[in-house]
N, C-alpha and C. Protein backbone atom coordinates (compact mmCIF):
# COMPACT_ATOMS: atom_id res chain seq x y z
N MET A 1 -70.49 34.59 158.96
CA MET A 1 -71.39 33.45 159.14
C MET A 1 -72.42 33.47 158.02
N ALA A 2 -72.75 32.34 157.46
CA ALA A 2 -73.73 32.23 156.38
C ALA A 2 -75.11 32.64 156.87
N GLN A 3 -75.99 32.99 155.90
CA GLN A 3 -77.34 33.41 156.26
C GLN A 3 -78.00 32.41 157.20
N ASP A 4 -78.05 31.16 156.76
CA ASP A 4 -78.71 30.13 157.58
C ASP A 4 -78.01 29.97 158.92
N GLY A 5 -76.68 30.13 158.93
CA GLY A 5 -75.91 29.94 160.15
C GLY A 5 -76.26 30.93 161.24
N LEU A 6 -76.39 32.19 160.90
CA LEU A 6 -76.72 33.20 161.91
C LEU A 6 -78.10 32.95 162.49
N LEU A 7 -79.09 32.77 161.63
CA LEU A 7 -80.45 32.56 162.13
C LEU A 7 -80.54 31.27 162.93
N LYS A 8 -79.87 30.23 162.47
CA LYS A 8 -79.88 28.95 163.19
C LYS A 8 -79.22 29.12 164.56
N SER A 9 -78.13 29.87 164.63
CA SER A 9 -77.43 30.06 165.90
C SER A 9 -78.29 30.81 166.92
N LEU A 10 -79.19 31.64 166.44
CA LEU A 10 -80.05 32.40 167.35
C LEU A 10 -81.11 31.53 168.02
N GLU A 11 -81.37 30.35 167.46
CA GLU A 11 -82.35 29.46 168.07
C GLU A 11 -81.95 29.06 169.49
N ASN A 12 -80.67 28.99 169.75
CA ASN A 12 -80.17 28.58 171.07
C ASN A 12 -79.53 29.73 171.84
N ALA A 13 -79.75 30.94 171.39
CA ALA A 13 -79.15 32.10 172.04
C ALA A 13 -79.76 32.32 173.42
N ASP A 14 -78.97 32.92 174.28
CA ASP A 14 -79.45 33.26 175.62
C ASP A 14 -80.33 34.50 175.56
N ILE A 15 -81.25 34.61 176.50
CA ILE A 15 -82.09 35.81 176.61
C ILE A 15 -81.17 37.00 176.78
N GLY A 16 -81.45 38.05 176.04
CA GLY A 16 -80.66 39.27 176.11
C GLY A 16 -79.51 39.32 175.11
N GLU A 17 -79.21 38.19 174.47
CA GLU A 17 -78.14 38.20 173.47
C GLU A 17 -78.56 39.08 172.30
N LYS A 18 -77.61 39.85 171.76
CA LYS A 18 -77.92 40.79 170.69
C LYS A 18 -77.12 40.47 169.44
N VAL A 19 -77.69 40.87 168.32
CA VAL A 19 -77.06 40.74 167.02
C VAL A 19 -77.14 42.11 166.36
N ALA A 20 -76.08 42.53 165.72
CA ALA A 20 -76.07 43.82 165.03
C ALA A 20 -77.13 43.84 163.94
N LEU A 21 -77.81 44.98 163.80
CA LEU A 21 -78.90 45.09 162.84
C LEU A 21 -78.46 44.74 161.42
N GLU A 22 -77.35 45.27 160.97
CA GLU A 22 -76.93 45.01 159.59
C GLU A 22 -76.59 43.55 159.37
N ALA A 23 -76.04 42.88 160.38
CA ALA A 23 -75.77 41.44 160.25
C ALA A 23 -77.08 40.67 160.14
N LEU A 24 -78.06 41.07 160.94
CA LEU A 24 -79.36 40.41 160.87
C LEU A 24 -80.03 40.64 159.52
N ILE A 25 -80.02 41.89 159.05
CA ILE A 25 -80.62 42.21 157.76
C ILE A 25 -79.97 41.39 156.65
N ALA A 26 -78.67 41.26 156.72
CA ALA A 26 -77.95 40.48 155.70
C ALA A 26 -78.32 39.00 155.75
N ALA A 27 -78.71 38.52 156.92
CA ALA A 27 -79.03 37.10 157.09
C ALA A 27 -80.48 36.75 156.78
N LEU A 28 -81.35 37.76 156.68
CA LEU A 28 -82.77 37.46 156.46
C LEU A 28 -82.99 36.85 155.08
N PRO A 29 -83.93 35.91 154.99
CA PRO A 29 -84.22 35.25 153.71
C PRO A 29 -85.19 36.07 152.86
N TRP A 30 -84.73 37.19 152.34
CA TRP A 30 -85.55 38.05 151.49
C TRP A 30 -86.01 37.25 150.28
N ASN A 31 -87.22 37.52 149.79
CA ASN A 31 -87.69 36.80 148.61
C ASN A 31 -86.98 37.32 147.35
N GLY A 32 -87.35 36.82 146.20
CA GLY A 32 -86.70 37.20 144.96
C GLY A 32 -86.79 38.67 144.62
N ASP A 33 -87.76 39.37 145.22
CA ASP A 33 -87.92 40.81 145.01
C ASP A 33 -87.28 41.62 146.13
N GLY A 34 -86.57 40.92 147.03
CA GLY A 34 -85.92 41.62 148.14
C GLY A 34 -86.88 42.04 149.24
N LEU A 35 -87.96 41.27 149.41
CA LEU A 35 -89.00 41.62 150.37
C LEU A 35 -89.19 40.52 151.40
N ILE A 36 -89.77 40.91 152.54
CA ILE A 36 -90.13 39.98 153.60
C ILE A 36 -91.52 40.38 154.09
N PRO A 37 -92.41 39.41 154.40
CA PRO A 37 -93.74 39.78 154.90
C PRO A 37 -93.66 40.38 156.29
N ALA A 38 -94.55 41.35 156.52
CA ALA A 38 -94.64 42.02 157.82
C ALA A 38 -96.11 42.04 158.24
N ILE A 39 -96.38 41.44 159.39
CA ILE A 39 -97.73 41.42 159.95
C ILE A 39 -97.82 42.57 160.96
N ALA A 40 -98.81 43.44 160.79
CA ALA A 40 -99.03 44.53 161.73
C ALA A 40 -100.09 44.11 162.73
N GLN A 41 -99.77 44.28 164.01
CA GLN A 41 -100.66 43.89 165.10
C GLN A 41 -100.81 45.07 166.05
N GLN A 42 -102.05 45.36 166.46
CA GLN A 42 -102.28 46.41 167.45
C GLN A 42 -101.65 45.96 168.77
N HIS A 43 -100.75 46.77 169.30
CA HIS A 43 -99.93 46.35 170.44
C HIS A 43 -100.72 46.05 171.70
N ASP A 44 -101.80 46.78 171.97
CA ASP A 44 -102.50 46.60 173.25
C ASP A 44 -103.64 45.58 173.19
N SER A 45 -104.26 45.40 172.03
CA SER A 45 -105.37 44.45 171.93
C SER A 45 -104.95 43.11 171.33
N GLY A 46 -103.83 43.10 170.61
CA GLY A 46 -103.39 41.88 169.93
C GLY A 46 -104.08 41.65 168.60
N GLU A 47 -104.97 42.55 168.20
CA GLU A 47 -105.69 42.37 166.93
C GLU A 47 -104.71 42.46 165.76
N VAL A 48 -104.82 41.51 164.84
CA VAL A 48 -104.02 41.55 163.62
C VAL A 48 -104.69 42.55 162.69
N LEU A 49 -103.91 43.54 162.24
CA LEU A 49 -104.46 44.62 161.44
C LEU A 49 -104.27 44.43 159.94
N MET A 50 -103.11 44.00 159.54
CA MET A 50 -102.81 43.90 158.12
C MET A 50 -101.53 43.13 157.89
N MET A 51 -101.31 42.78 156.63
CA MET A 51 -100.05 42.20 156.19
C MET A 51 -99.56 43.05 155.03
N ALA A 52 -98.28 43.36 155.06
CA ALA A 52 -97.67 44.10 153.95
C ALA A 52 -96.24 43.60 153.80
N TRP A 53 -95.49 44.23 152.94
CA TRP A 53 -94.12 43.80 152.66
C TRP A 53 -93.13 44.88 153.06
N MET A 54 -91.97 44.47 153.49
CA MET A 54 -90.87 45.40 153.77
C MET A 54 -89.65 44.95 153.00
N ASN A 55 -88.90 45.92 152.52
CA ASN A 55 -87.56 45.64 152.03
C ASN A 55 -86.58 46.12 153.11
N ALA A 56 -85.30 45.96 152.89
CA ALA A 56 -84.33 46.33 153.93
C ALA A 56 -84.42 47.81 154.26
N GLU A 57 -84.63 48.65 153.25
CA GLU A 57 -84.72 50.09 153.49
C GLU A 57 -85.94 50.44 154.34
N ALA A 58 -87.08 49.81 154.06
CA ALA A 58 -88.29 50.07 154.85
C ALA A 58 -88.10 49.61 156.29
N LEU A 59 -87.45 48.48 156.48
CA LEU A 59 -87.19 47.99 157.84
C LEU A 59 -86.29 48.95 158.59
N ARG A 60 -85.21 49.38 157.96
CA ARG A 60 -84.30 50.34 158.61
C ARG A 60 -85.04 51.64 158.97
N GLU A 61 -85.84 52.17 158.04
CA GLU A 61 -86.56 53.40 158.30
C GLU A 61 -87.56 53.23 159.45
N THR A 62 -88.28 52.13 159.44
CA THR A 62 -89.24 51.86 160.52
C THR A 62 -88.54 51.86 161.87
N LEU A 63 -87.43 51.15 161.96
CA LEU A 63 -86.71 51.03 163.22
C LEU A 63 -86.07 52.35 163.66
N SER A 64 -85.63 53.15 162.70
CA SER A 64 -84.96 54.40 163.06
C SER A 64 -85.91 55.56 163.34
N THR A 65 -87.10 55.56 162.71
CA THR A 65 -88.01 56.70 162.87
C THR A 65 -89.16 56.43 163.83
N GLY A 66 -89.52 55.15 164.02
CA GLY A 66 -90.66 54.83 164.86
C GLY A 66 -91.99 54.95 164.14
N ARG A 67 -91.96 55.29 162.86
CA ARG A 67 -93.17 55.33 162.03
C ARG A 67 -93.05 54.18 161.03
N VAL A 68 -94.08 53.35 160.96
CA VAL A 68 -93.98 52.14 160.14
C VAL A 68 -93.99 52.49 158.65
N CYS A 69 -93.03 51.88 157.96
CA CYS A 69 -92.84 52.07 156.53
C CYS A 69 -92.82 50.69 155.88
N TYR A 70 -93.53 50.55 154.78
CA TYR A 70 -93.57 49.30 154.03
C TYR A 70 -93.03 49.56 152.63
N PHE A 71 -92.97 48.49 151.83
CA PHE A 71 -92.64 48.63 150.42
C PHE A 71 -93.90 48.29 149.63
N SER A 72 -94.36 49.22 148.82
CA SER A 72 -95.55 49.00 148.00
C SER A 72 -95.14 48.28 146.73
N ARG A 73 -95.64 47.06 146.57
CA ARG A 73 -95.34 46.31 145.35
C ARG A 73 -96.03 46.92 144.14
N SER A 74 -97.23 47.47 144.31
CA SER A 74 -97.96 48.03 143.17
C SER A 74 -97.33 49.34 142.69
N ARG A 75 -96.76 50.11 143.61
CA ARG A 75 -96.13 51.39 143.24
C ARG A 75 -94.61 51.29 143.14
N SER A 76 -94.05 50.15 143.55
CA SER A 76 -92.60 49.92 143.54
C SER A 76 -91.82 51.03 144.25
N LYS A 77 -92.32 51.39 145.45
CA LYS A 77 -91.63 52.40 146.24
C LYS A 77 -92.00 52.24 147.71
N LEU A 78 -91.24 52.92 148.56
CA LEU A 78 -91.56 52.91 149.98
C LEU A 78 -92.92 53.54 150.21
N TRP A 79 -93.63 52.99 151.19
CA TRP A 79 -94.98 53.45 151.52
C TRP A 79 -95.02 53.63 153.03
N ARG A 80 -95.09 54.88 153.42
CA ARG A 80 -95.18 55.20 154.85
C ARG A 80 -96.66 55.14 155.22
N LYS A 81 -97.01 54.17 156.03
CA LYS A 81 -98.42 53.93 156.37
C LYS A 81 -99.06 55.24 156.82
N GLY A 82 -100.13 55.61 156.15
CA GLY A 82 -100.88 56.81 156.49
C GLY A 82 -100.47 58.05 155.72
N GLU A 83 -99.52 57.94 154.79
CA GLU A 83 -99.07 59.14 154.08
C GLU A 83 -100.16 59.78 153.23
N SER A 84 -101.13 58.99 152.76
CA SER A 84 -102.23 59.60 152.00
C SER A 84 -103.53 59.62 152.79
N SER A 85 -103.70 58.71 153.74
CA SER A 85 -104.96 58.64 154.50
C SER A 85 -104.88 59.31 155.87
N GLY A 86 -103.66 59.49 156.39
CA GLY A 86 -103.49 60.04 157.73
C GLY A 86 -103.58 58.99 158.82
N GLN A 87 -103.85 57.74 158.45
CA GLN A 87 -104.04 56.66 159.42
C GLN A 87 -102.69 55.97 159.68
N GLN A 88 -101.85 56.62 160.46
CA GLN A 88 -100.48 56.17 160.67
C GLN A 88 -100.37 55.01 161.65
N GLN A 89 -99.23 54.35 161.55
CA GLN A 89 -98.87 53.30 162.51
C GLN A 89 -97.60 53.74 163.23
N LYS A 90 -97.71 53.93 164.54
CA LYS A 90 -96.54 54.25 165.35
C LYS A 90 -95.95 52.93 165.83
N LEU A 91 -94.67 52.74 165.63
CA LEU A 91 -94.01 51.50 166.01
C LEU A 91 -93.91 51.38 167.53
N VAL A 92 -94.31 50.23 168.05
CA VAL A 92 -94.12 49.90 169.46
C VAL A 92 -92.95 48.92 169.59
N SER A 93 -92.96 47.87 168.77
CA SER A 93 -91.85 46.91 168.75
C SER A 93 -91.91 46.09 167.47
N THR A 94 -90.77 45.53 167.11
CA THR A 94 -90.68 44.68 165.92
C THR A 94 -90.07 43.35 166.34
N HIS A 95 -90.64 42.26 165.82
CA HIS A 95 -90.19 40.92 166.18
C HIS A 95 -89.99 40.10 164.90
N LEU A 96 -89.12 39.13 164.99
CA LEU A 96 -88.83 38.24 163.89
C LEU A 96 -89.24 36.84 164.30
N ASP A 97 -89.89 36.10 163.40
CA ASP A 97 -90.32 34.74 163.77
C ASP A 97 -89.13 33.79 163.80
N CYS A 98 -89.39 32.58 164.26
CA CYS A 98 -88.32 31.60 164.51
C CYS A 98 -87.55 31.21 163.27
N ASP A 99 -88.17 31.28 162.10
CA ASP A 99 -87.49 30.95 160.84
C ASP A 99 -86.81 32.17 160.23
N GLY A 100 -87.08 33.34 160.80
CA GLY A 100 -86.50 34.56 160.26
C GLY A 100 -87.12 35.02 158.97
N ASP A 101 -88.31 34.49 158.64
CA ASP A 101 -88.89 34.84 157.34
C ASP A 101 -90.16 35.67 157.41
N THR A 102 -90.54 36.11 158.60
CA THR A 102 -91.71 36.98 158.75
C THR A 102 -91.48 37.92 159.92
N LEU A 103 -91.85 39.19 159.71
CA LEU A 103 -91.77 40.19 160.77
C LEU A 103 -93.15 40.36 161.41
N LEU A 104 -93.16 40.59 162.71
CA LEU A 104 -94.36 41.00 163.44
C LEU A 104 -94.08 42.41 163.93
N VAL A 105 -94.89 43.34 163.46
CA VAL A 105 -94.71 44.75 163.80
C VAL A 105 -95.86 45.13 164.73
N LYS A 106 -95.54 45.35 166.00
CA LYS A 106 -96.56 45.77 166.96
C LYS A 106 -96.64 47.29 166.89
N VAL A 107 -97.86 47.76 166.67
CA VAL A 107 -98.07 49.17 166.36
C VAL A 107 -99.15 49.79 167.24
N ASP A 108 -99.16 51.11 167.25
CA ASP A 108 -100.28 51.88 167.76
C ASP A 108 -100.91 52.51 166.52
N GLN A 109 -102.02 51.94 166.08
CA GLN A 109 -102.69 52.34 164.84
C GLN A 109 -103.59 53.53 165.09
N THR A 110 -103.49 54.55 164.24
CA THR A 110 -104.41 55.68 164.25
C THR A 110 -105.52 55.37 163.26
N GLY A 111 -106.76 55.23 163.73
CA GLY A 111 -107.89 54.97 162.83
C GLY A 111 -107.80 53.60 162.19
N PRO A 112 -108.46 53.44 161.03
CA PRO A 112 -108.48 52.13 160.37
C PRO A 112 -107.13 51.81 159.72
N ALA A 113 -106.80 50.52 159.70
CA ALA A 113 -105.58 50.07 159.03
C ALA A 113 -105.86 49.71 157.57
N CYS A 114 -107.10 49.38 157.27
CA CYS A 114 -107.46 48.88 155.94
C CYS A 114 -107.89 50.02 155.00
N HIS A 115 -107.53 49.89 153.73
CA HIS A 115 -107.91 50.90 152.74
C HIS A 115 -109.41 50.94 152.52
N THR A 116 -110.14 49.93 153.02
CA THR A 116 -111.60 49.91 152.90
C THR A 116 -112.27 50.71 154.02
N GLY A 117 -111.47 51.26 154.94
CA GLY A 117 -112.01 52.02 156.06
C GLY A 117 -112.28 51.15 157.28
N ARG A 118 -111.92 49.89 157.22
CA ARG A 118 -112.12 48.98 158.36
C ARG A 118 -110.89 49.01 159.26
N LYS A 119 -111.13 48.67 160.52
CA LYS A 119 -110.04 48.66 161.49
C LYS A 119 -108.95 47.67 161.08
N SER A 120 -109.35 46.51 160.59
CA SER A 120 -108.42 45.46 160.18
C SER A 120 -108.69 45.06 158.73
N CYS A 121 -107.66 44.64 158.04
CA CYS A 121 -107.83 44.11 156.68
C CYS A 121 -108.43 42.71 156.69
N PHE A 122 -108.47 42.08 157.86
CA PHE A 122 -108.96 40.71 157.97
C PHE A 122 -110.42 40.71 158.41
N TYR A 123 -111.30 41.11 157.49
CA TYR A 123 -112.73 41.21 157.79
C TYR A 123 -113.57 40.17 157.05
N TRP A 124 -112.93 39.23 156.42
CA TRP A 124 -113.61 38.10 155.78
C TRP A 124 -113.42 36.87 156.65
N ARG A 125 -114.50 36.27 157.11
CA ARG A 125 -114.40 35.00 157.85
C ARG A 125 -114.75 33.88 156.87
N LEU A 126 -113.86 32.91 156.76
CA LEU A 126 -114.06 31.79 155.85
C LEU A 126 -114.47 30.54 156.61
N ASP A 127 -115.34 29.76 156.02
CA ASP A 127 -115.68 28.44 156.56
C ASP A 127 -115.91 27.50 155.38
N ALA A 128 -116.38 26.30 155.66
CA ALA A 128 -116.56 25.29 154.61
C ALA A 128 -117.61 25.70 153.58
N GLU A 129 -118.48 26.65 153.93
CA GLU A 129 -119.55 27.06 153.01
C GLU A 129 -119.21 28.30 152.20
N GLY A 130 -118.18 29.04 152.61
CA GLY A 130 -117.85 30.26 151.88
C GLY A 130 -117.24 31.31 152.78
N ALA A 131 -117.58 32.56 152.50
CA ALA A 131 -117.01 33.69 153.22
C ALA A 131 -118.11 34.62 153.70
N GLU A 132 -117.85 35.28 154.82
CA GLU A 132 -118.81 36.21 155.42
C GLU A 132 -118.05 37.47 155.84
N ILE A 133 -118.62 38.64 155.54
CA ILE A 133 -118.06 39.90 156.00
C ILE A 133 -118.38 40.04 157.49
N THR A 134 -117.37 40.33 158.29
CA THR A 134 -117.57 40.39 159.74
C THR A 134 -117.48 41.79 160.34
N ASP A 135 -116.93 42.74 159.59
CA ASP A 135 -116.75 44.09 160.15
C ASP A 135 -117.12 45.15 159.13
N ALA A 136 -117.78 46.18 159.61
CA ALA A 136 -118.15 47.31 158.76
C ALA A 136 -117.04 48.36 158.78
N PRO A 137 -116.96 49.17 157.75
CA PRO A 137 -115.99 50.27 157.78
C PRO A 137 -116.29 51.20 158.96
N ILE A 138 -115.22 51.72 159.57
CA ILE A 138 -115.40 52.71 160.64
C ILE A 138 -115.27 54.13 160.08
N ILE A 139 -114.74 54.22 158.87
CA ILE A 139 -114.64 55.49 158.14
C ILE A 139 -114.89 55.19 156.66
N ASP A 140 -115.64 56.06 156.00
CA ASP A 140 -115.87 55.92 154.57
C ASP A 140 -114.51 56.04 153.86
N PRO A 141 -114.13 55.04 153.05
CA PRO A 141 -112.82 55.10 152.39
C PRO A 141 -112.66 56.32 151.48
N ASN A 142 -113.76 56.84 150.94
CA ASN A 142 -113.66 58.06 150.13
C ASN A 142 -113.21 59.25 150.97
N THR A 143 -113.60 59.26 152.23
CA THR A 143 -113.16 60.32 153.14
C THR A 143 -111.68 60.15 153.44
N LEU A 144 -111.24 58.91 153.61
CA LEU A 144 -109.83 58.64 153.92
C LEU A 144 -108.89 59.18 152.85
N TYR A 145 -109.28 59.01 151.62
CA TYR A 145 -108.40 59.33 150.50
C TYR A 145 -108.80 60.57 149.74
N GLY A 146 -109.67 61.39 150.34
CA GLY A 146 -110.02 62.66 149.75
C GLY A 146 -110.85 62.59 148.49
N ASN A 147 -111.62 61.49 148.32
CA ASN A 147 -112.44 61.34 147.12
C ASN A 147 -113.90 61.72 147.37
N ALA A 148 -114.20 62.20 148.56
CA ALA A 148 -115.59 62.49 148.91
C ALA A 148 -116.05 63.81 148.32
């Protein structure tokens, strides 16, 4: 079945219907770099923590190990969340949106998710007049990365 065909067929699938992981991975609309956006959300509070990218290898590793793994565009390699800061994300569940072009990764976050030491990367509130910082760091980022 073509990429669009599999994802389109799932729109009318019955609850409980399953698709093999490799078939789904093959059908996902990866971008030109072989990546798909992944939104990390704290599983119990619903707070959106961060957005990062996954490639097929990162998705497979996340699903098989239960520890969230992303693809770092700046380092061009897999990035296991918390490997340098200790602030890991334990996988609770992974979901795909209706278009198949974005992942929602529900996690149990240890400490801050943001490299700035904040709980969430979404600490800028925007309005018609500009932007406002809404959250303070919960940990000094120098402490997170051993620069203190």
